[in-house]
Amino acid sequence: MKMNITKSYVILFLVVVMTNSLSNSEVLVSPVIETAQNDVCFVPCTSRYGHYECAFDCMHKRYKDGGCVHGRCCCKT
């Protein structure tokens, strides 16, 4: 009897963990939000290439504005 209860709890735990890992909605929604707000994303942002450098490069390329979004330089029209 005790073995069956333990086995049931282990199976339930594994089902919950697998369901949670397969339904990570943040990963699926993130690119959609980013694409809706920014037109072009290119080089990665670093400590030397930050928000101001990204904005300058975007305006130099004739975009309206730009900035670092999720670690990449993204330009807006």
PDB file of N, CA and C in Angstrom:
ATOM      1  N   MET A   1       0.822  -1.197   0.000  1.00  0.00           N
ATOM      2  CA  MET A   1       0.000   0.000   0.000  1.00  0.00           C
ATOM      3  C   MET A   1       0.863   1.257   0.000  1.00  0.00           C
ATOM      4  N   LYS A   2       1.886   1.295   0.862  1.00  0.00           N
ATOM      5  CA  LYS A   2       2.746   2.472   0.942  1.00  0.00           C
ATOM      6  C   LYS A   2       3.516   2.677  -0.367  1.00  0.00           C
ATOM      7  N   MET A   3       3.920   1.599  -0.985  1.00  0.00           N
ATOM      8  CA  MET A   3       4.653   1.673  -2.245  1.00  0.00           C
ATOM      9  C   MET A   3       3.780   2.272  -3.347  1.00  0.00           C
ATOM     10  N   ASN A   4       2.506   1.928  -3.380  1.00  0.00           N
ATOM     11  CA  ASN A   4       1.590   2.457  -4.389  1.00  0.00           C
ATOM     12  C   ASN A   4       1.374   3.957  -4.215  1.00  0.00           C
ATOM     13  N   ILE A   5       1.283   4.433  -2.980  1.00  0.00           N
ATOM     14  CA  ILE A   5       1.105   5.862  -2.722  1.00  0.00           C
ATOM     15  C   ILE A   5       2.352   6.628  -3.141  1.00  0.00           C
ATOM     16  N   THR A   6       3.526   6.114  -2.795  1.00  0.00           N
ATOM     17  CA  THR A   6       4.782   6.762  -3.180  1.00  0.00           C
ATOM     18  C   THR A   6       4.917   6.801  -4.696  1.00  0.00           C
ATOM     19  N   LYS A   7       4.596   5.704  -5.345  1.00  0.00           N
ATOM     20  CA  LYS A   7       4.666   5.642  -6.807  1.00  0.00           C
ATOM     21  C   LYS A   7       3.700   6.655  -7.434  1.00  0.00           C
ATOM     22  N   SER A   8       2.526   6.785  -6.870  1.00  0.00           N
ATOM     23  CA  SER A   8       1.546   7.746  -7.382  1.00  0.00           C
ATOM     24  C   SER A   8       2.040   9.179  -7.231  1.00  0.00           C
ATOM     25  N   TYR A   9       2.657   9.492  -6.096  1.00  0.00           N
ATOM     26  CA  TYR A   9       3.197  10.837  -5.891  1.00  0.00           C
ATOM     27  C   TYR A   9       4.342  11.136  -6.855  1.00  0.00           C
ATOM     28  N   VAL A  10       5.183  10.162  -7.106  1.00  0.00           N
ATOM     29  CA  VAL A  10       6.292  10.357  -8.046  1.00  0.00           C
ATOM     30  C   VAL A  10       5.754  10.599  -9.451  1.00  0.00           C
ATOM     31  N   ILE A  11       4.776   9.833  -9.854  1.00  0.00           N
ATOM     32  CA  ILE A  11       4.184  10.014 -11.187  1.00  0.00           C
ATOM     33  C   ILE A  11       3.508  11.377 -11.291  1.00  0.00           C
ATOM     34  N   LEU A  12       2.769  11.763 -10.264  1.00  0.00           N
ATOM     35  CA  LEU A  12       2.118  13.072 -10.267  1.00  0.00           C
ATOM     36  C   LEU A  12       3.149  14.198 -10.352  1.00  0.00           C
ATOM     37  N   PHE A  13       4.227  14.080  -9.592  1.00  0.00           N
ATOM     38  CA  PHE A  13       5.288  15.083  -9.624  1.00  0.00           C
ATOM     39  C   PHE A  13       5.891  15.198 -11.023  1.00  0.00           C
ATOM     40  N   LEU A  14       6.178  14.074 -11.651  1.00  0.00           N
ATOM     41  CA  LEU A  14       6.759  14.094 -12.997  1.00  0.00           C
ATOM     42  C   LEU A  14       5.796  14.690 -14.022  1.00  0.00           C
ATOM     43  N   VAL A  15       4.523  14.404 -13.890  1.00  0.00           N
ATOM     44  CA  VAL A  15       3.528  14.978 -14.806  1.00  0.00           C
ATOM     45  C   VAL A  15       3.475  16.491 -14.650  1.00  0.00           C
ATOM     46  N   VAL A  16       3.498  16.981 -13.418  1.00  0.00           N
ATOM     47  CA  VAL A  16       3.474  18.427 -13.181  1.00  0.00           C
ATOM     48  C   VAL A  16       4.728  19.084 -13.740  1.00  0.00           C
ATOM     49  N   VAL A  17       5.886  18.491 -13.518  1.00  0.00           N
ATOM     50  CA  VAL A  17       7.144  19.061 -14.020  1.00  0.00           C
ATOM     51  C   VAL A  17       7.152  19.082 -15.545  1.00  0.00           C
ATOM     52  N   MET A  18       6.740  18.003 -16.168  1.00  0.00           N
ATOM     53  CA  MET A  18       6.726  17.951 -17.633  1.00  0.00           C
ATOM     54  C   MET A  18       5.721  18.941 -18.220  1.00  0.00           C
ATOM     55  N   THR A  19       4.561  19.058 -17.625  1.00  0.00           N
ATOM     56  CA  THR A  19       3.552  20.000 -18.108  1.00  0.00           C
ATOM     57  C   THR A  19       4.049  21.430 -17.992  1.00  0.00           C
ATOM     58  N   ASN A  20       4.682  21.743 -16.889  1.00  0.00           N
ATOM     59  CA  ASN A  20       5.207  23.092 -16.682  1.00  0.00           C
ATOM     60  C   ASN A  20       6.317  23.413 -17.675  1.00  0.00           C
ATOM     61  N   SER A  21       7.194  22.472 -17.937  1.00  0.00           N
ATOM     62  CA  SER A  21       8.302  22.745 -18.856  1.00  0.00           C
ATOM     63  C   SER A  21       7.831  22.857 -20.303  1.00  0.00           C
ATOM     64  N   LEU A  22       6.771  22.163 -20.656  1.00  0.00           N
ATOM     65  CA  LEU A  22       6.271  22.223 -22.028  1.00  0.00           C
ATOM     66  C   LEU A  22       5.374  23.426 -22.290  1.00  0.00           C
ATOM     67  N   SER A  23       4.881  24.061 -21.254  1.00  0.00           N
ATOM     68  CA  SER A  23       3.964  25.182 -21.442  1.00  0.00           C
ATOM     69  C   SER A  23       4.574  26.492 -20.965  1.00  0.00           C
ATOM     70  N   ASN A  24       5.808  26.760 -21.325  1.00  0.00           N
ATOM     71  CA  ASN A  24       6.467  28.002 -20.938  1.00  0.00           C
ATOM     72  C   ASN A  24       6.030  29.088 -21.912  1.00  0.00           C
ATOM     73  N   SER A  25       4.995  29.840 -21.571  1.00  0.00           N
ATOM     74  CA  SER A  25       4.413  30.821 -22.484  1.00  0.00           C
ATOM     75  C   SER A  25       5.297  32.041 -22.679  1.00  0.00           C
ATOM     76  N   GLU A  26       6.190  32.352 -21.742  1.00  0.00           N
ATOM     77  CA  GLU A  26       7.051  33.527 -21.881  1.00  0.00           C
ATOM     78  C   GLU A  26       7.968  33.389 -23.090  1.00  0.00           C
ATOM     79  N   VAL A  27       8.473  32.202 -23.332  1.00  0.00           N
ATOM     80  CA  VAL A  27       9.361  31.977 -24.469  1.00  0.00           C
ATOM     81  C   VAL A  27       8.600  32.145 -25.773  1.00  0.00           C
ATOM     82  N   LEU A  28       7.370  31.696 -25.827  1.00  0.00           N
ATOM     83  CA  LEU A  28       6.596  31.780 -27.056  1.00  0.00           C
ATOM     84  C   LEU A  28       6.118  33.196 -27.354  1.00  0.00           C
ATOM     85  N   VAL A  29       5.808  33.974 -26.348  1.00  0.00           N
ATOM     86  CA  VAL A  29       5.244  35.305 -26.546  1.00  0.00           C
ATOM     87  C   VAL A  29       6.326  36.352 -26.760  1.00  0.00           C
ATOM     88  N   SER A  30       7.490  36.179 -26.208  1.00  0.00           N
ATOM     89  CA  SER A  30       8.539  37.192 -26.236  1.00  0.00           C
ATOM     90  C   SER A  30       8.890  37.678 -27.641  1.00  0.00           C
ATOM     91  N   PRO A  31       9.156  36.811 -28.634  1.00  0.00           N
ATOM     92  CA  PRO A  31       9.477  37.309 -29.967  1.00  0.00           C
ATOM     93  C   PRO A  31       8.330  38.065 -30.625  1.00  0.00           C
ATOM     94  N   VAL A  32       7.098  37.705 -30.320  1.00  0.00           N
ATOM     95  CA  VAL A  32       5.954  38.386 -30.919  1.00  0.00           C
ATOM     96  C   VAL A  32       5.876  39.819 -30.415  1.00  0.00           C
ATOM     97  N   ILE A  33       6.052  40.021 -29.121  1.00  0.00           N
ATOM     98  CA  ILE A  33       6.019  41.363 -28.542  1.00  0.00           C
ATOM     99  C   ILE A  33       7.169  42.194 -29.095  1.00  0.00           C
ATOM    100  N   GLU A  34       8.348  41.602 -29.151  1.00  0.00           N
ATOM    101  CA  GLU A  34       9.514  42.330 -29.641  1.00  0.00           C
ATOM    102  C   GLU A  34       9.323  42.742 -31.092  1.00  0.00           C
ATOM    103  N   THR A  35       8.799  41.870 -31.926  1.00  0.00           N
ATOM    104  CA  THR A  35       8.592  42.176 -33.332  1.00  0.00           C
ATOM    105  C   THR A  35       7.546  43.268 -33.504  1.00  0.00           C
ATOM    106  N   ALA A  36       6.538  43.275 -32.658  1.00  0.00           N
ATOM    107  CA  ALA A  36       5.483  44.269 -32.779  1.00  0.00           C
ATOM    108  C   ALA A  36       5.981  45.672 -32.436  1.00  0.00           C
ATOM    109  N   GLN A  37       6.950  45.792 -31.549  1.00  0.00           N
ATOM    110  CA  GLN A  37       7.414  47.098 -31.102  1.00  0.00           C
ATOM    111  C   GLN A  37       8.655  47.581 -31.853  1.00  0.00           C
ATOM    112  N   ASN A  38       9.403  46.694 -32.472  1.00  0.00           N
ATOM    113  CA  ASN A  38      10.647  47.058 -33.139  1.00  0.00           C
ATOM    114  C   ASN A  38      10.680  46.456 -34.535  1.00  0.00           C
ATOM    115  N   ASP A  39      11.238  47.220 -35.463  1.00  0.00           N
ATOM    116  CA  ASP A  39      11.246  46.770 -36.848  1.00  0.00           C
ATOM    117  C   ASP A  39      12.442  45.889 -37.186  1.00  0.00           C
ATOM    118  N   VAL A  40      13.635  46.297 -36.774  1.00  0.00           N
ATOM    119  CA  VAL A  40      14.844  45.570 -37.137  1.00  0.00           C
ATOM    120  C   VAL A  40      15.719  45.407 -35.904  1.00  0.00           C
ATOM    121  N   CYS A  41      16.115  44.187 -35.614  1.00  0.00           N
ATOM    122  CA  CYS A  41      17.047  43.914 -34.521  1.00  0.00           C
ATOM    123  C   CYS A  41      18.293  43.271 -35.117  1.00  0.00           C
ATOM    124  N   PHE A  42      19.462  43.806 -34.711  1.00  0.00           N
ATOM    125  CA  PHE A  42      20.686  43.251 -35.278  1.00  0.00           C
ATOM    126  C   PHE A  42      21.723  43.015 -34.199  1.00  0.00           C
ATOM    127  N   VAL A  43      22.852  43.675 -34.193  1.00  0.00           N
ATOM    128  CA  VAL A  43      24.005  43.341 -33.347  1.00  0.00           C
ATOM    129  C   VAL A  43      23.644  43.221 -31.867  1.00  0.00           C
ATOM    130  N   PRO A  44      24.342  42.355 -31.143  1.00  0.00           N
ATOM    131  CA  PRO A  44      24.102  42.226 -29.701  1.00  0.00           C
ATOM    132  C   PRO A  44      24.573  43.460 -28.935  1.00  0.00           C
ATOM    133  N   CYS A  45      23.876  43.809 -27.885  1.00  0.00           N
ATOM    134  CA  CYS A  45      24.301  44.891 -26.993  1.00  0.00           C
ATOM    135  C   CYS A  45      25.276  44.323 -25.964  1.00  0.00           C
ATOM    136  N   THR A  46      26.320  45.080 -25.684  1.00  0.00           N
ATOM    137  CA  THR A  46      27.330  44.672 -24.711  1.00  0.00           C
ATOM    138  C   THR A  46      27.610  45.845 -23.786  1.00  0.00           C
ATOM    139  N   SER A  47      28.613  45.688 -22.930  1.00  0.00           N
ATOM    140  CA  SER A  47      28.985  46.801 -22.048  1.00  0.00           C
ATOM    141  C   SER A  47      29.604  47.948 -22.847  1.00  0.00           C
ATOM    142  N   ARG A  48      30.216  47.654 -23.979  1.00  0.00           N
ATOM    143  CA  ARG A  48      30.815  48.704 -24.824  1.00  0.00           C
ATOM    144  C   ARG A  48      29.852  49.223 -25.890  1.00  0.00           C
ATOM    145  N   TYR A  49      28.905  48.419 -26.263  1.00  0.00           N
ATOM    146  CA  TYR A  49      27.903  48.811 -27.262  1.00  0.00           C
ATOM    147  C   TYR A  49      26.545  48.753 -26.577  1.00  0.00           C
ATOM    148  N   GLY A  50      26.152  49.870 -25.980  1.00  0.00           N
ATOM    149  CA  GLY A  50      24.936  49.916 -25.172  1.00  0.00           C
ATOM    150  C   GLY A  50      23.803  50.653 -25.849  1.00  0.00           C
ATOM    151  N   HIS A  51      22.893  51.148 -25.028  1.00  0.00           N
ATOM    152  CA  HIS A  51      21.674  51.798 -25.513  1.00  0.00           C
ATOM    153  C   HIS A  51      21.972  53.026 -26.380  1.00  0.00           C
ATOM    154  N   TYR A  52      22.890  53.874 -25.935  1.00  0.00           N
ATOM    155  CA  TYR A  52      23.161  55.116 -26.675  1.00  0.00           C
ATOM    156  C   TYR A  52      23.853  54.844 -28.008  1.00  0.00           C
ATOM    157  N   GLU A  53      24.782  53.905 -28.032  1.00  0.00           N
ATOM    158  CA  GLU A  53      25.439  53.551 -29.292  1.00  0.00           C
ATOM    159  C   GLU A  53      24.436  52.938 -30.268  1.00  0.00           C
ATOM    160  N   CYS A  54      23.559  52.117 -29.737  1.00  0.00           N
ATOM    161  CA  CYS A  54      22.526  51.496 -30.569  1.00  0.00           C
ATOM    162  C   CYS A  54      21.588  52.553 -31.152  1.00  0.00           C
ATOM    163  N   ALA A  55      21.131  53.482 -30.312  1.00  0.00           N
ATOM    164  CA  ALA A  55      20.233  54.545 -30.781  1.00  0.00           C
ATOM    165  C   ALA A  55      20.913  55.398 -31.845  1.00  0.00           C
ATOM    166  N   PHE A  56      22.193  55.716 -31.643  1.00  0.00           N
ATOM    167  CA  PHE A  56      22.938  56.507 -32.625  1.00  0.00           C
ATOM    168  C   PHE A  56      23.018  55.765 -33.955  1.00  0.00           C
ATOM    169  N   ASP A  57      23.368  54.472 -33.915  1.00  0.00           N
ATOM    170  CA  ASP A  57      23.467  53.697 -35.152  1.00  0.00           C
ATOM    171  C   ASP A  57      22.118  53.593 -35.863  1.00  0.00           C
ATOM    172  N   CYS A  58      21.043  53.441 -35.102  1.00  0.00           N
ATOM    173  CA  CYS A  58      19.715  53.364 -35.721  1.00  0.00           C
ATOM    174  C   CYS A  58      19.353  54.677 -36.405  1.00  0.00           C
ATOM    175  N   MET A  59      19.605  55.792 -35.739  1.00  0.00           N
ATOM    176  CA  MET A  59      19.298  57.092 -36.346  1.00  0.00           C
ATOM    177  C   MET A  59      20.211  57.370 -37.531  1.00  0.00           C
ATOM    178  N   HIS A  60      21.454  56.890 -37.466  1.00  0.00           N
ATOM    179  CA  HIS A  60      22.380  57.038 -38.592  1.00  0.00           C
ATOM    180  C   HIS A  60      21.879  56.242 -39.805  1.00  0.00           C
ATOM    181  N   LYS A  61      21.201  55.137 -39.550  1.00  0.00           N
ATOM    182  CA  LYS A  61      20.630  54.324 -40.628  1.00  0.00           C
ATOM    183  C   LYS A  61      19.228  54.796 -41.015  1.00  0.00           C
ATOM    184  N   ARG A  62      18.841  55.986 -40.543  1.00  0.00           N
ATOM    185  CA  ARG A  62      17.585  56.653 -40.876  1.00  0.00           C
ATOM    186  C   ARG A  62      16.344  56.006 -40.268  1.00  0.00           C
ATOM    187  N   TYR A  63      16.524  55.345 -39.125  1.00  0.00           N
ATOM    188  CA  TYR A  63      15.372  54.892 -38.351  1.00  0.00           C
ATOM    189  C   TYR A  63      14.996  55.986 -37.375  1.00  0.00           C
ATOM    190  N   LYS A  64      13.778  55.958 -36.871  1.00  0.00           N
ATOM    191  CA  LYS A  64      13.290  56.981 -35.946  1.00  0.00           C
ATOM    192  C   LYS A  64      13.999  56.912 -34.599  1.00  0.00           C
ATOM    193  N   ASP A  65      14.207  55.711 -34.080  1.00  0.00           N
ATOM    194  CA  ASP A  65      14.792  55.530 -32.750  1.00  0.00           C
ATOM    195  C   ASP A  65      15.328  54.112 -32.644  1.00  0.00           C
ATOM    196  N   GLY A  66      15.991  53.823 -31.553  1.00  0.00           N
ATOM    197  CA  GLY A  66      16.502  52.481 -31.321  1.00  0.00           C
ATOM    198  C   GLY A  66      16.976  52.316 -29.897  1.00  0.00           C
ATOM    199  N   GLY A  67      17.208  51.082 -29.522  1.00  0.00           N
ATOM    200  CA  GLY A  67      17.693  50.781 -28.186  1.00  0.00           C
ATOM    201  C   GLY A  67      17.884  49.289 -28.008  1.00  0.00           C
ATOM    202  N   CYS A  68      18.491  48.921 -26.888  1.00  0.00           N
ATOM    203  CA  CYS A  68      18.745  47.513 -26.591  1.00  0.00           C
ATOM    204  C   CYS A  68      17.467  46.849 -26.073  1.00  0.00           C
ATOM    205  N   VAL A  69      17.066  45.785 -26.741  1.00  0.00           N
ATOM    206  CA  VAL A  69      15.889  45.013 -26.357  1.00  0.00           C
ATOM    207  C   VAL A  69      16.298  43.548 -26.288  1.00  0.00           C
ATOM    208  N   HIS A  70      16.154  42.957 -25.114  1.00  0.00           N
ATOM    209  CA  HIS A  70      16.513  41.549 -24.900  1.00  0.00           C
ATOM    210  C   HIS A  70      17.933  41.250 -25.375  1.00  0.00           C
ATOM    211  N   GLY A  71      18.850  42.187 -25.135  1.00  0.00           N
ATOM    212  CA  GLY A  71      20.255  41.953 -25.456  1.00  0.00           C
ATOM    213  C   GLY A  71      20.647  42.215 -26.892  1.00  0.00           C
ATOM    214  N   ARG A  72      19.746  42.752 -27.697  1.00  0.00           N
ATOM    215  CA  ARG A  72      20.068  43.077 -29.091  1.00  0.00           C
ATOM    216  C   ARG A  72      19.684  44.510 -29.387  1.00  0.00           C
ATOM    217  N   CYS A  73      20.382  45.109 -30.343  1.00  0.00           N
ATOM    218  CA  CYS A  73      20.078  46.471 -30.769  1.00  0.00           C
ATOM    219  C   CYS A  73      18.918  46.412 -31.758  1.00  0.00           C
ATOM    220  N   CYS A  74      17.818  47.079 -31.412  1.00  0.00           N
ATOM    221  CA  CYS A  74      16.615  47.071 -32.251  1.00  0.00           C
ATOM    222  C   CYS A  74      16.253  48.496 -32.648  1.00  0.00           C
ATOM    223  N   CYS A  75      15.942  48.686 -33.927  1.00  0.00           N
ATOM    224  CA  CYS A  75      15.608  50.009 -34.460  1.00  0.00           C
ATOM    225  C   CYS A  75      14.111  50.095 -34.754  1.00  0.00           C
ATOM    226  N   LYS A  76      13.555  51.303 -34.577  1.00  0.00           N
ATOM    227  CA  LYS A  76      12.130  51.555 -34.821  1.00  0.00           C
ATOM    228  C   LYS A  76      11.966  52.570 -35.948  1.00  0.00           C
ATOM    229  N   THR A  77      10.882  52.418 -36.708  1.00  0.00           N
ATOM    230  CA  THR A  77      10.608  53.403 -37.758  1.00  0.00           C
ATOM    231  C   THR A  77       9.762  54.519 -37.218  1.00  0.00           C
TER     232      THR A  77
END
